[in-house]
Amino acid sequence: MNTNHFQLIALAVVALAIPACQTTSPNPPNRFDQADVNRDKSLTLDETNNLLVGEIFAARDANKDKQLSRAEVVEGNNAKEAKSFSERDANGDGNITMEEALAYGRKKGLAKQLMRDADTDKNGQLSSAEVEAYYGKREGPAR
């Protein structure tokens, strides 16, 4: 999967993840809070990358074995996706671990565009309100 296509998927996944944080179930997973490692109520670039990569990884890990196989990432004989898979599989073992995915996301700047667009106060961090506003403009209100 080429980087632009991967980034679009990442943004779509996060757009779906933020409203999921607002469910009415008794103990909904709050992905924003999970990504906020230092508990300062905002996401740094690295925390935003972790959120994006984690959402994509979870969506693609069909068998929930905490690694992505080639079959879970590459559709058919798509050469661009195969090349992208190989770039992510840093140790060449045929699987992408979360650590490899996170490292690739940081290397490629996966979260930078989201940070540029959503960080309205330009403080280099994203608040929950900024993320919700960003996706609210693009996806409509949370359901």
N, C-alpha and C. Protein backbone atom coordinates (compact mmCIF):
# COMPACT_ATOMS: atom_id res chain seq x y z
N MET A 1 0.85 -1.16 0.00
CA MET A 1 0.00 0.00 0.00
C MET A 1 0.90 1.22 0.00
N ASN A 2 0.69 2.14 -0.93
CA ASN A 2 1.59 3.29 -0.95
C ASN A 2 1.32 4.20 0.24
N THR A 3 2.28 5.07 0.53
CA THR A 3 2.21 5.89 1.74
C THR A 3 0.98 6.78 1.74
N ASN A 4 0.63 7.40 0.61
CA ASN A 4 -0.54 8.28 0.57
C ASN A 4 -1.81 7.50 0.87
N HIS A 5 -1.93 6.32 0.29
CA HIS A 5 -3.10 5.48 0.53
C HIS A 5 -3.13 5.06 2.01
N PHE A 6 -1.99 4.73 2.55
CA PHE A 6 -1.87 4.34 3.96
C PHE A 6 -2.28 5.49 4.86
N GLN A 7 -1.87 6.71 4.53
CA GLN A 7 -2.22 7.87 5.34
C GLN A 7 -3.72 8.14 5.29
N LEU A 8 -4.34 7.97 4.14
CA LEU A 8 -5.78 8.16 4.04
C LEU A 8 -6.52 7.14 4.90
N ILE A 9 -6.05 5.92 4.88
CA ILE A 9 -6.66 4.89 5.72
C ILE A 9 -6.48 5.26 7.18
N ALA A 10 -5.29 5.73 7.53
CA ALA A 10 -5.02 6.11 8.91
C ALA A 10 -5.98 7.19 9.37
N LEU A 11 -6.17 8.19 8.56
CA LEU A 11 -7.07 9.28 8.93
C LEU A 11 -8.50 8.79 9.04
N ALA A 12 -8.91 7.92 8.15
CA ALA A 12 -10.26 7.37 8.22
C ALA A 12 -10.45 6.53 9.48
N VAL A 13 -9.45 5.74 9.83
CA VAL A 13 -9.54 4.91 11.02
C VAL A 13 -9.66 5.76 12.27
N VAL A 14 -8.87 6.81 12.36
CA VAL A 14 -8.95 7.68 13.53
C VAL A 14 -10.29 8.42 13.54
N ALA A 15 -10.78 8.78 12.37
CA ALA A 15 -12.08 9.44 12.32
C ALA A 15 -13.16 8.53 12.91
N LEU A 16 -13.04 7.25 12.71
CA LEU A 16 -13.98 6.31 13.28
C LEU A 16 -13.68 6.04 14.75
N ALA A 17 -12.42 6.12 15.13
CA ALA A 17 -12.02 5.82 16.51
C ALA A 17 -12.48 6.88 17.48
N ILE A 18 -12.42 8.13 17.12
CA ILE A 18 -12.79 9.20 18.04
C ILE A 18 -14.27 9.09 18.43
N PRO A 19 -15.20 8.94 17.48
CA PRO A 19 -16.58 8.75 17.91
C PRO A 19 -16.76 7.49 18.74
N ALA A 20 -15.96 6.47 18.50
CA ALA A 20 -16.06 5.25 19.29
C ALA A 20 -15.74 5.52 20.75
N CYS A 21 -14.98 6.56 21.00
CA CYS A 21 -14.66 6.94 22.38
C CYS A 21 -15.87 7.52 23.08
N GLN A 22 -16.93 7.82 22.33
CA GLN A 22 -18.09 8.48 22.90
C GLN A 22 -19.30 7.56 22.96
N THR A 23 -19.07 6.25 23.03
CA THR A 23 -20.16 5.31 23.08
C THR A 23 -20.86 5.38 24.43
N THR A 24 -22.03 4.75 24.50
CA THR A 24 -22.79 4.77 25.74
C THR A 24 -22.62 3.49 26.53
N SER A 25 -21.74 2.59 26.14
CA SER A 25 -21.53 1.37 26.92
C SER A 25 -20.91 1.74 28.26
N PRO A 26 -21.08 0.88 29.28
CA PRO A 26 -20.63 1.22 30.62
C PRO A 26 -19.13 1.52 30.73
N ASN A 27 -18.29 0.80 30.03
CA ASN A 27 -16.84 1.00 30.10
C ASN A 27 -16.24 1.06 28.71
N PRO A 28 -16.56 2.10 27.93
CA PRO A 28 -16.02 2.16 26.57
C PRO A 28 -14.51 2.39 26.58
N PRO A 29 -13.80 1.81 25.62
CA PRO A 29 -12.37 2.10 25.54
C PRO A 29 -12.18 3.53 25.08
N ASN A 30 -11.43 4.29 25.80
CA ASN A 30 -11.16 5.67 25.40
C ASN A 30 -9.79 5.70 24.76
N ARG A 31 -9.77 5.65 23.44
CA ARG A 31 -8.52 5.55 22.71
C ARG A 31 -7.65 6.79 22.87
N PHE A 32 -8.27 7.94 22.99
CA PHE A 32 -7.50 9.16 23.21
C PHE A 32 -6.73 9.05 24.52
N ASP A 33 -7.43 8.67 25.59
CA ASP A 33 -6.78 8.53 26.89
C ASP A 33 -5.71 7.46 26.87
N GLN A 34 -5.94 6.37 26.15
CA GLN A 34 -4.94 5.31 26.05
C GLN A 34 -3.68 5.82 25.35
N ALA A 35 -3.86 6.67 24.34
CA ALA A 35 -2.72 7.20 23.60
C ALA A 35 -1.98 8.27 24.39
N ASP A 36 -2.67 8.93 25.32
CA ASP A 36 -2.09 10.00 26.12
C ASP A 36 -1.24 9.39 27.25
N VAL A 37 -0.07 8.91 26.88
CA VAL A 37 0.80 8.17 27.79
C VAL A 37 1.19 8.99 29.01
N ASN A 38 1.49 10.26 28.83
CA ASN A 38 1.93 11.09 29.96
C ASN A 38 0.77 11.74 30.71
N ARG A 39 -0.47 11.43 30.33
CA ARG A 39 -1.68 11.86 31.02
C ARG A 39 -1.82 13.37 31.18
N ASP A 40 -1.39 14.11 30.14
CA ASP A 40 -1.51 15.57 30.22
C ASP A 40 -2.72 16.10 29.44
N LYS A 41 -3.60 15.22 29.05
CA LYS A 41 -4.85 15.58 28.34
C LYS A 41 -4.60 16.13 26.94
N SER A 42 -3.44 15.84 26.38
CA SER A 42 -3.15 16.22 25.00
C SER A 42 -2.20 15.20 24.41
N LEU A 43 -2.18 15.15 23.08
CA LEU A 43 -1.32 14.19 22.39
C LEU A 43 -0.16 14.89 21.71
N THR A 44 1.03 14.41 21.97
CA THR A 44 2.22 14.87 21.26
C THR A 44 2.22 14.21 19.89
N LEU A 45 3.17 14.59 19.07
CA LEU A 45 3.30 13.97 17.75
C LEU A 45 3.50 12.46 17.89
N ASP A 46 4.35 12.04 18.80
CA ASP A 46 4.60 10.61 18.99
C ASP A 46 3.36 9.89 19.49
N GLU A 47 2.64 10.50 20.42
CA GLU A 47 1.41 9.88 20.92
C GLU A 47 0.36 9.80 19.82
N THR A 48 0.29 10.83 18.97
CA THR A 48 -0.64 10.82 17.85
C THR A 48 -0.27 9.71 16.87
N ASN A 49 1.02 9.54 16.61
CA ASN A 49 1.48 8.45 15.77
C ASN A 49 1.06 7.10 16.37
N ASN A 50 1.23 6.96 17.67
CA ASN A 50 0.86 5.71 18.33
C ASN A 50 -0.63 5.43 18.19
N LEU A 51 -1.45 6.47 18.31
CA LEU A 51 -2.89 6.32 18.13
C LEU A 51 -3.22 5.87 16.72
N LEU A 52 -2.69 6.57 15.72
CA LEU A 52 -2.96 6.23 14.33
C LEU A 52 -2.50 4.82 13.99
N VAL A 53 -1.26 4.51 14.31
CA VAL A 53 -0.70 3.20 13.98
C VAL A 53 -1.46 2.10 14.72
N GLY A 54 -1.77 2.35 16.00
CA GLY A 54 -2.50 1.35 16.77
C GLY A 54 -3.86 1.05 16.19
N GLU A 55 -4.57 2.06 15.73
CA GLU A 55 -5.89 1.86 15.13
C GLU A 55 -5.79 1.08 13.82
N ILE A 56 -4.83 1.44 13.00
CA ILE A 56 -4.65 0.74 11.72
C ILE A 56 -4.25 -0.71 11.98
N PHE A 57 -3.32 -0.89 12.90
CA PHE A 57 -2.83 -2.23 13.22
C PHE A 57 -3.99 -3.11 13.70
N ALA A 58 -4.78 -2.61 14.62
CA ALA A 58 -5.90 -3.38 15.16
C ALA A 58 -6.92 -3.72 14.07
N ALA A 59 -7.17 -2.79 13.17
CA ALA A 59 -8.13 -3.02 12.10
C ALA A 59 -7.64 -4.07 11.11
N ARG A 60 -6.35 -4.14 10.88
CA ARG A 60 -5.79 -5.08 9.92
C ARG A 60 -5.46 -6.45 10.50
N ASP A 61 -5.26 -6.54 11.81
CA ASP A 61 -4.87 -7.80 12.45
C ASP A 61 -6.08 -8.71 12.58
N ALA A 62 -6.48 -9.31 11.46
CA ALA A 62 -7.71 -10.10 11.40
C ALA A 62 -7.75 -11.25 12.39
N ASN A 63 -6.63 -11.92 12.60
CA ASN A 63 -6.62 -13.07 13.50
C ASN A 63 -6.21 -12.70 14.93
N LYS A 64 -6.01 -11.41 15.18
CA LYS A 64 -5.71 -10.86 16.51
C LYS A 64 -4.51 -11.53 17.18
N ASP A 65 -3.47 -11.83 16.37
CA ASP A 65 -2.26 -12.45 16.91
C ASP A 65 -1.16 -11.43 17.22
N LYS A 66 -1.52 -10.15 17.15
CA LYS A 66 -0.61 -9.05 17.48
C LYS A 66 0.58 -8.92 16.52
N GLN A 67 0.37 -9.39 15.30
CA GLN A 67 1.32 -9.17 14.22
C GLN A 67 0.55 -9.19 12.91
N LEU A 68 1.09 -8.50 11.92
CA LEU A 68 0.44 -8.44 10.62
C LEU A 68 1.20 -9.31 9.64
N SER A 69 0.49 -10.26 9.07
CA SER A 69 1.09 -11.10 8.03
C SER A 69 0.95 -10.39 6.69
N ARG A 70 1.67 -10.87 5.72
CA ARG A 70 1.57 -10.32 4.37
C ARG A 70 0.12 -10.38 3.87
N ALA A 71 -0.56 -11.48 4.14
CA ALA A 71 -1.94 -11.64 3.69
C ALA A 71 -2.89 -10.61 4.31
N GLU A 72 -2.58 -10.15 5.51
CA GLU A 72 -3.42 -9.16 6.18
C GLU A 72 -3.18 -7.74 5.66
N VAL A 73 -2.08 -7.54 4.94
CA VAL A 73 -1.71 -6.21 4.48
C VAL A 73 -1.76 -6.07 2.96
N VAL A 74 -1.27 -7.06 2.25
CA VAL A 74 -1.13 -6.98 0.80
C VAL A 74 -2.32 -7.66 0.12
N GLU A 75 -3.00 -6.91 -0.73
CA GLU A 75 -4.12 -7.45 -1.47
C GLU A 75 -3.63 -8.00 -2.80
N GLY A 76 -3.81 -9.30 -3.00
CA GLY A 76 -3.41 -9.94 -4.25
C GLY A 76 -1.93 -9.81 -4.52
N ASN A 77 -1.59 -9.45 -5.74
CA ASN A 77 -0.19 -9.28 -6.15
C ASN A 77 0.17 -7.82 -6.33
N ASN A 78 -0.39 -6.95 -5.54
CA ASN A 78 -0.15 -5.52 -5.64
C ASN A 78 1.31 -5.23 -5.28
N ALA A 79 2.09 -4.85 -6.28
CA ALA A 79 3.53 -4.62 -6.09
C ALA A 79 3.82 -3.48 -5.11
N LYS A 80 3.04 -2.41 -5.17
CA LYS A 80 3.27 -1.28 -4.27
C LYS A 80 3.00 -1.68 -2.82
N GLU A 81 1.93 -2.43 -2.60
CA GLU A 81 1.62 -2.88 -1.25
C GLU A 81 2.68 -3.87 -0.76
N ALA A 82 3.16 -4.73 -1.65
CA ALA A 82 4.20 -5.69 -1.27
C ALA A 82 5.48 -4.97 -0.88
N LYS A 83 5.83 -3.95 -1.64
CA LYS A 83 7.04 -3.17 -1.31
C LYS A 83 6.86 -2.45 0.03
N SER A 84 5.70 -1.87 0.23
CA SER A 84 5.41 -1.18 1.48
C SER A 84 5.45 -2.15 2.66
N PHE A 85 4.92 -3.36 2.46
CA PHE A 85 4.98 -4.37 3.52
C PHE A 85 6.42 -4.69 3.87
N SER A 86 7.25 -4.87 2.86
CA SER A 86 8.67 -5.18 3.10
C SER A 86 9.38 -4.06 3.84
N GLU A 87 9.03 -2.81 3.53
CA GLU A 87 9.63 -1.67 4.24
C GLU A 87 9.24 -1.67 5.72
N ARG A 88 8.04 -2.07 6.01
CA ARG A 88 7.56 -2.10 7.39
C ARG A 88 8.13 -3.28 8.17
N ASP A 89 8.34 -4.40 7.49
CA ASP A 89 8.86 -5.62 8.12
C ASP A 89 10.38 -5.48 8.28
N ALA A 90 10.79 -4.74 9.27
CA ALA A 90 12.19 -4.36 9.46
C ALA A 90 13.14 -5.54 9.59
N ASN A 91 12.71 -6.61 10.25
CA ASN A 91 13.62 -7.75 10.44
C ASN A 91 13.44 -8.83 9.38
N GLY A 92 12.53 -8.61 8.43
CA GLY A 92 12.37 -9.52 7.29
C GLY A 92 11.83 -10.90 7.64
N ASP A 93 11.09 -11.02 8.75
CA ASP A 93 10.58 -12.33 9.15
C ASP A 93 9.22 -12.67 8.55
N GLY A 94 8.68 -11.77 7.73
CA GLY A 94 7.39 -12.04 7.09
C GLY A 94 6.19 -11.56 7.89
N ASN A 95 6.44 -10.89 9.00
CA ASN A 95 5.38 -10.34 9.83
C ASN A 95 5.77 -8.94 10.29
N ILE A 96 4.77 -8.10 10.50
CA ILE A 96 5.00 -6.76 11.03
C ILE A 96 4.49 -6.75 12.47
N THR A 97 5.37 -6.45 13.39
CA THR A 97 4.98 -6.32 14.79
C THR A 97 4.52 -4.89 15.04
N MET A 98 3.90 -4.67 16.18
CA MET A 98 3.48 -3.32 16.54
C MET A 98 4.70 -2.40 16.61
N GLU A 99 5.80 -2.90 17.16
CA GLU A 99 7.01 -2.08 17.27
C GLU A 99 7.51 -1.66 15.88
N GLU A 100 7.49 -2.59 14.93
CA GLU A 100 7.91 -2.25 13.56
C GLU A 100 6.96 -1.24 12.94
N ALA A 101 5.66 -1.42 13.18
CA ALA A 101 4.67 -0.49 12.63
C ALA A 101 4.83 0.91 13.22
N LEU A 102 5.05 0.97 14.53
CA LEU A 102 5.25 2.27 15.18
C LEU A 102 6.51 2.97 14.67
N ALA A 103 7.58 2.22 14.52
CA ALA A 103 8.84 2.79 14.02
C ALA A 103 8.65 3.31 12.59
N TYR A 104 7.95 2.56 11.77
CA TYR A 104 7.70 2.99 10.39
C TYR A 104 6.84 4.26 10.38
N GLY A 105 5.82 4.29 11.22
CA GLY A 105 4.96 5.47 11.29
C GLY A 105 5.74 6.72 11.68
N ARG A 106 6.64 6.58 12.65
CA ARG A 106 7.48 7.72 13.06
C ARG A 106 8.42 8.12 11.92
N LYS A 107 9.03 7.14 11.29
CA LYS A 107 9.99 7.40 10.20
C LYS A 107 9.31 8.14 9.04
N LYS A 108 8.10 7.73 8.71
CA LYS A 108 7.39 8.31 7.57
C LYS A 108 6.56 9.54 7.95
N GLY A 109 6.50 9.86 9.22
CA GLY A 109 5.75 11.05 9.63
C GLY A 109 4.26 10.91 9.46
N LEU A 110 3.76 9.73 9.75
CA LEU A 110 2.35 9.43 9.54
C LEU A 110 1.41 10.44 10.21
N ALA A 111 1.75 10.90 11.40
CA ALA A 111 0.86 11.78 12.16
C ALA A 111 1.07 13.27 11.87
N LYS A 112 2.09 13.60 11.10
CA LYS A 112 2.41 15.03 10.90
C LYS A 112 1.29 15.81 10.23
N GLN A 113 0.65 15.24 9.23
CA GLN A 113 -0.43 15.96 8.54
C GLN A 113 -1.61 16.18 9.47
N LEU A 114 -1.96 15.17 10.23
CA LEU A 114 -3.04 15.33 11.19
C LEU A 114 -2.69 16.43 12.19
N MET A 115 -1.48 16.43 12.68
CA MET A 115 -1.03 17.43 13.65
C MET A 115 -1.11 18.83 13.03
N ARG A 116 -0.64 18.97 11.79
CA ARG A 116 -0.67 20.28 11.13
C ARG A 116 -2.10 20.79 10.98
N ASP A 117 -3.00 19.90 10.58
CA ASP A 117 -4.37 20.31 10.29
C ASP A 117 -5.23 20.49 11.54
N ALA A 118 -5.04 19.66 12.55
CA ALA A 118 -5.93 19.67 13.71
C ALA A 118 -5.45 20.56 14.85
N ASP A 119 -4.16 20.88 14.91
CA ASP A 119 -3.61 21.65 16.02
C ASP A 119 -3.93 23.14 15.82
N THR A 120 -5.15 23.52 16.15
CA THR A 120 -5.61 24.88 15.87
C THR A 120 -4.92 25.94 16.72
N ASP A 121 -4.49 25.60 17.92
CA ASP A 121 -3.80 26.60 18.74
C ASP A 121 -2.29 26.58 18.52
N LYS A 122 -1.83 25.70 17.63
CA LYS A 122 -0.43 25.61 17.20
C LYS A 122 0.55 25.47 18.37
N ASN A 123 0.16 24.65 19.36
CA ASN A 123 1.05 24.42 20.49
C ASN A 123 1.84 23.11 20.35
N GLY A 124 1.69 22.44 19.21
CA GLY A 124 2.44 21.21 18.97
C GLY A 124 1.83 19.99 19.62
N GLN A 125 0.61 20.12 20.13
CA GLN A 125 -0.09 19.00 20.75
C GLN A 125 -1.55 19.05 20.35
N LEU A 126 -2.22 17.90 20.44
CA LEU A 126 -3.64 17.85 20.12
C LEU A 126 -4.45 17.57 21.37
N SER A 127 -5.42 18.42 21.62
CA SER A 127 -6.37 18.15 22.70
C SER A 127 -7.48 17.28 22.14
N SER A 128 -8.23 16.67 23.02
CA SER A 128 -9.37 15.87 22.59
C SER A 128 -10.35 16.73 21.80
N ALA A 129 -10.55 17.96 22.24
CA ALA A 129 -11.46 18.88 21.54
C ALA A 129 -10.96 19.19 20.13
N GLU A 130 -9.65 19.36 19.96
CA GLU A 130 -9.10 19.63 18.62
C GLU A 130 -9.31 18.43 17.70
N VAL A 131 -9.09 17.24 18.22
CA VAL A 131 -9.27 16.04 17.40
C VAL A 131 -10.73 15.88 17.03
N GLU A 132 -11.62 16.05 17.99
CA GLU A 132 -13.05 15.94 17.71
C GLU A 132 -13.50 17.00 16.71
N ALA A 133 -13.02 18.22 16.85
CA ALA A 133 -13.39 19.30 15.93
C ALA A 133 -12.88 18.99 14.52
N TYR A 134 -11.65 18.51 14.44
CA TYR A 134 -11.05 18.19 13.15
C TYR A 134 -11.90 17.15 12.42
N TYR A 135 -12.23 16.08 13.10
CA TYR A 135 -13.02 15.03 12.45
C TYR A 135 -14.48 15.40 12.31
N GLY A 136 -14.98 16.24 13.20
CA GLY A 136 -16.35 16.71 13.06
C GLY A 136 -16.56 17.49 11.78
N LYS A 137 -15.55 18.28 11.39
CA LYS A 137 -15.63 19.04 10.14
C LYS A 137 -15.62 18.12 8.92
N ARG A 138 -14.93 17.00 9.03
CA ARG A 138 -14.77 16.11 7.89
C ARG A 138 -15.80 15.00 7.84
N GLU A 139 -16.23 14.54 9.00
CA GLU A 139 -17.10 13.36 9.06
C GLU A 139 -18.49 13.67 9.58
N GLY A 140 -18.73 14.87 10.08
CA GLY A 140 -20.00 15.18 10.71
C GLY A 140 -19.91 14.87 12.19
N PRO A 141 -20.95 15.16 12.94
CA PRO A 141 -20.91 14.96 14.39
C PRO A 141 -20.84 13.48 14.76
N ALA A 142 -20.29 13.22 15.94
CA ALA A 142 -20.20 11.84 16.44
C ALA A 142 -21.60 11.29 16.65
N ARG A 143 -21.74 10.02 16.36
CA ARG A 143 -23.06 9.38 16.51
C ARG A 143 -23.13 8.58 17.77
